Amino acid sequence: MSYFGVDAAKTRESQDMIYPRISSDAEVMMGKPCIRGTRITVELILRKLGHGSTIEELLASYPSITKDDVLAAHAFAADYVSSIRAFAIA
């Protein structure tokens, strides 16, 4: 299935090789990408950072994750966004 021009199946297949700290399982958080071994979604990490939380605050709030997990979530999201093909609508 494809959303916003991204092949979701291909993204999941290559995700484990490129992002070993990120997992996506249909049985966990409706398949949203999460920090591996947790129910903490990449989306949550990005929203918290976007609202001004620091990495240190995230680590204090979610002791099961590491700084490298937060950085992996950020890198995953950046690569995902860069893979979206934009189409002009006239």
Protein backbone atom coordinates (compact mmCIF):
# COMPACT_ATOMS: atom_id res chain seq x y z
CA MET A 1 0.00 0.00 0.00
CA SER A 2 1.23 3.50 -0.70
CA TYR A 3 0.58 6.68 1.26
CA PHE A 4 1.75 10.06 0.00
CA GLY A 5 3.81 8.38 -2.70
CA VAL A 6 5.70 6.12 -0.22
CA ASP A 7 5.67 2.35 -0.66
CA ALA A 8 4.83 1.30 2.90
CA ALA A 9 5.73 -2.38 2.41
CA LYS A 10 9.15 -1.51 1.03
CA THR A 11 9.68 0.99 3.84
CA ARG A 12 8.97 -1.67 6.49
CA GLU A 13 11.20 -4.27 4.80
CA SER A 14 14.25 -2.03 4.67
CA GLN A 15 13.53 -0.33 8.00
CA ASP A 16 15.07 -3.10 10.14
CA MET A 17 18.35 -2.95 8.25
CA ILE A 18 18.65 0.83 8.33
CA TYR A 19 17.00 1.57 11.69
CA PRO A 20 17.60 -1.28 14.13
CA ARG A 21 16.22 0.89 16.97
CA ILE A 22 12.87 1.43 15.21
CA SER A 23 10.23 -1.25 14.74
CA SER A 24 6.79 -1.43 13.20
CA ASP A 25 4.37 -4.19 14.15
CA ALA A 26 0.67 -4.23 13.24
CA GLU A 27 -0.06 -5.58 16.75
CA VAL A 28 1.71 -2.69 18.50
CA MET A 29 0.37 0.87 18.36
CA MET A 30 -1.57 0.08 15.16
CA GLY A 31 1.66 -0.48 13.26
CA LYS A 32 3.11 2.99 13.86
CA PRO A 33 6.90 3.07 13.98
CA CYS A 34 8.05 2.74 17.60
CA ILE A 35 11.27 2.64 19.54
CA ARG A 36 12.10 -1.10 19.39
CA GLY A 37 10.83 -3.00 22.41
CA THR A 38 8.54 -0.19 23.56
CA ARG A 39 5.17 1.32 22.76
CA ILE A 40 6.77 4.76 22.38
CA THR A 41 6.07 5.96 18.86
CA VAL A 42 8.36 7.98 16.64
CA GLU A 43 5.44 10.39 16.34
CA LEU A 44 5.36 10.94 20.12
CA ILE A 45 9.09 11.64 20.20
CA LEU A 46 8.80 14.15 17.36
CA ARG A 47 5.76 15.88 18.85
CA LYS A 48 7.47 16.24 22.23
CA LEU A 49 10.60 17.67 20.58
CA GLY A 50 8.45 19.94 18.42
CA HIS A 51 6.72 21.31 21.50
CA GLY A 52 10.03 22.21 23.08
CA SER A 53 10.98 19.19 25.16
CA THR A 54 14.68 18.47 25.33
CA ILE A 55 16.23 15.07 24.82
CA GLU A 56 17.08 15.05 28.53
CA GLU A 57 13.43 15.67 29.42
CA LEU A 58 12.35 12.82 27.15
CA LEU A 59 14.86 10.48 28.77
CA ALA A 60 13.60 11.45 32.23
CA SER A 61 9.97 10.92 31.19
CA TYR A 62 10.64 7.65 29.35
CA PRO A 63 13.48 5.86 31.15
CA SER A 64 13.24 2.85 28.83
CA ILE A 65 14.70 4.84 25.91
CA THR A 66 18.16 6.22 25.28
CA LYS A 67 19.56 9.28 23.56
CA ASP A 68 20.44 7.05 20.60
CA ASP A 69 16.77 5.97 20.40
CA VAL A 70 15.66 9.61 20.20
CA LEU A 71 18.25 10.35 17.51
CA ALA A 72 17.18 7.23 15.58
CA ALA A 73 13.54 8.39 15.69
CA HIS A 74 14.58 11.76 14.33
CA ALA A 75 16.68 10.20 11.54
CA PHE A 76 13.87 7.77 10.65
CA ALA A 77 11.37 10.62 10.35
CA ALA A 78 13.74 12.76 8.27
CA ASP A 79 14.33 9.92 5.83
CA TYR A 80 10.62 9.12 5.67
CA VAL A 81 9.74 12.73 4.88
CA SER A 82 12.47 12.95 2.25
CA SER A 83 10.99 9.91 0.48
CA ILE A 84 7.59 11.59 -0.01
CA ARG A 85 6.93 12.74 -3.54
CA ALA A 86 5.04 15.99 -3.62
CA PHE A 87 2.58 16.66 -6.40
CA ALA A 88 1.49 20.13 -7.41
CA ILE A 89 -2.25 20.66 -7.40
CA ALA A 90 -3.40 23.31 -9.83
